[in-house]
Amino acid sequence: MSDAIIYTYSVIDVPTAEFVGKTPYAVALVEREDGSRVLTRILNYTTVTKLEIGMRVLESGQDEKGNLLYSIP
C-alpha cells in the first residue's frame, strides 16, 4: 500500500445506477509516489470531510472490479 496526493477531486451527489443510496461520494485523481495518476474513490469521505488538493491519501485496497481505492488517513 502506498501514499498519494489528491491532484483534483469531485463530490458526486447524483449517482449512477451502480451508486444509488451511496451518495454523496468523492472521486479523485491522485498522484502516486512514482508520479503516475489514477482515478479513485475516496472510501471514508463524508459530508463533514474537507477534501483539499494536495491532501495525502492512503491506498486502501481494491474494489470488486480491481480498481484501486484510497482513504483519508
Protein backbone atom coordinates (compact mmCIF):
# COMPACT_ATOMS: atom_id res chain seq x y z
CA MET A 1 0.00 0.00 0.00
CA SER A 2 1.28 3.46 -0.80
CA ASP A 3 0.65 7.13 -0.23
CA ALA A 4 -0.63 9.52 -2.88
CA ILE A 5 -1.77 13.14 -3.01
CA ILE A 6 -5.06 14.47 -4.33
CA TYR A 7 -4.42 16.13 -7.69
CA THR A 8 -8.09 17.04 -8.20
CA TYR A 9 -11.42 15.72 -6.93
CA SER A 10 -15.20 15.89 -7.30
CA VAL A 11 -18.03 15.14 -4.90
CA ILE A 12 -20.88 13.24 -6.53
CA ASP A 13 -24.41 13.96 -5.26
CA VAL A 14 -26.43 12.45 -8.12
CA PRO A 15 -25.44 8.81 -8.52
CA THR A 16 -25.33 6.45 -11.46
CA ALA A 17 -27.43 3.30 -11.03
CA GLU A 18 -24.43 1.49 -9.53
CA PHE A 19 -24.15 4.00 -6.67
CA VAL A 20 -27.80 4.64 -5.73
CA GLY A 21 -28.00 5.00 -1.96
CA LYS A 22 -24.26 5.69 -1.62
CA THR A 23 -24.22 9.46 -2.20
CA PRO A 24 -22.56 11.71 -1.63
CA TYR A 25 -19.23 10.12 -2.51
CA ALA A 26 -15.92 11.53 -3.65
CA VAL A 27 -13.80 10.57 -6.63
CA ALA A 28 -10.28 11.88 -7.03
CA LEU A 29 -7.41 11.88 -9.44
CA VAL A 30 -4.48 11.06 -7.18
CA GLU A 31 -0.79 11.27 -7.91
CA ARG A 32 1.11 8.26 -6.63
CA GLU A 33 4.67 8.24 -5.29
CA ASP A 34 6.00 7.08 -8.69
CA GLY A 35 4.38 10.09 -10.42
CA SER A 36 1.56 8.12 -12.05
CA ARG A 37 -2.01 9.30 -11.61
CA VAL A 38 -5.08 7.16 -11.05
CA LEU A 39 -8.77 7.91 -10.75
CA THR A 40 -10.14 6.52 -7.50
CA ARG A 41 -12.93 6.68 -4.97
CA ILE A 42 -12.17 8.10 -1.51
CA LEU A 43 -13.59 5.42 0.77
CA ASN A 44 -14.08 7.31 4.01
CA TYR A 45 -15.47 10.54 2.56
CA THR A 46 -18.44 12.04 4.44
CA THR A 47 -20.27 15.36 4.16
CA VAL A 48 -18.16 16.73 7.04
CA THR A 49 -14.89 15.73 5.36
CA LYS A 50 -12.89 18.62 3.93
CA LEU A 51 -11.01 17.46 0.85
CA GLU A 52 -8.17 19.58 -0.47
CA ILE A 53 -5.90 19.43 -3.48
CA GLY A 54 -2.51 18.28 -2.20
CA MET A 55 -4.05 16.28 0.67
CA ARG A 56 -2.32 12.99 1.43
CA VAL A 57 -4.36 9.80 0.99
CA LEU A 58 -3.50 6.16 1.56
CA GLU A 59 -4.05 3.22 -0.76
CA SER A 60 -6.70 1.08 0.93
CA GLY A 61 -7.18 -1.89 -1.37
CA GLN A 62 -9.27 -2.63 -4.43
CA ASP A 63 -12.95 -2.78 -5.26
CA GLU A 64 -14.67 -5.84 -6.74
CA LYS A 65 -13.52 -4.79 -10.24
CA GLY A 66 -9.87 -4.42 -9.23
CA ASN A 67 -9.83 -0.62 -9.12
CA LEU A 68 -7.51 0.94 -6.54
CA LEU A 69 -9.25 2.65 -3.62
CA TYR A 70 -7.82 5.34 -1.33
CA SER A 71 -8.74 6.70 2.09
CA ILE A 72 -8.01 9.82 4.11
CA PRO A 73 -5.61 8.88 6.93
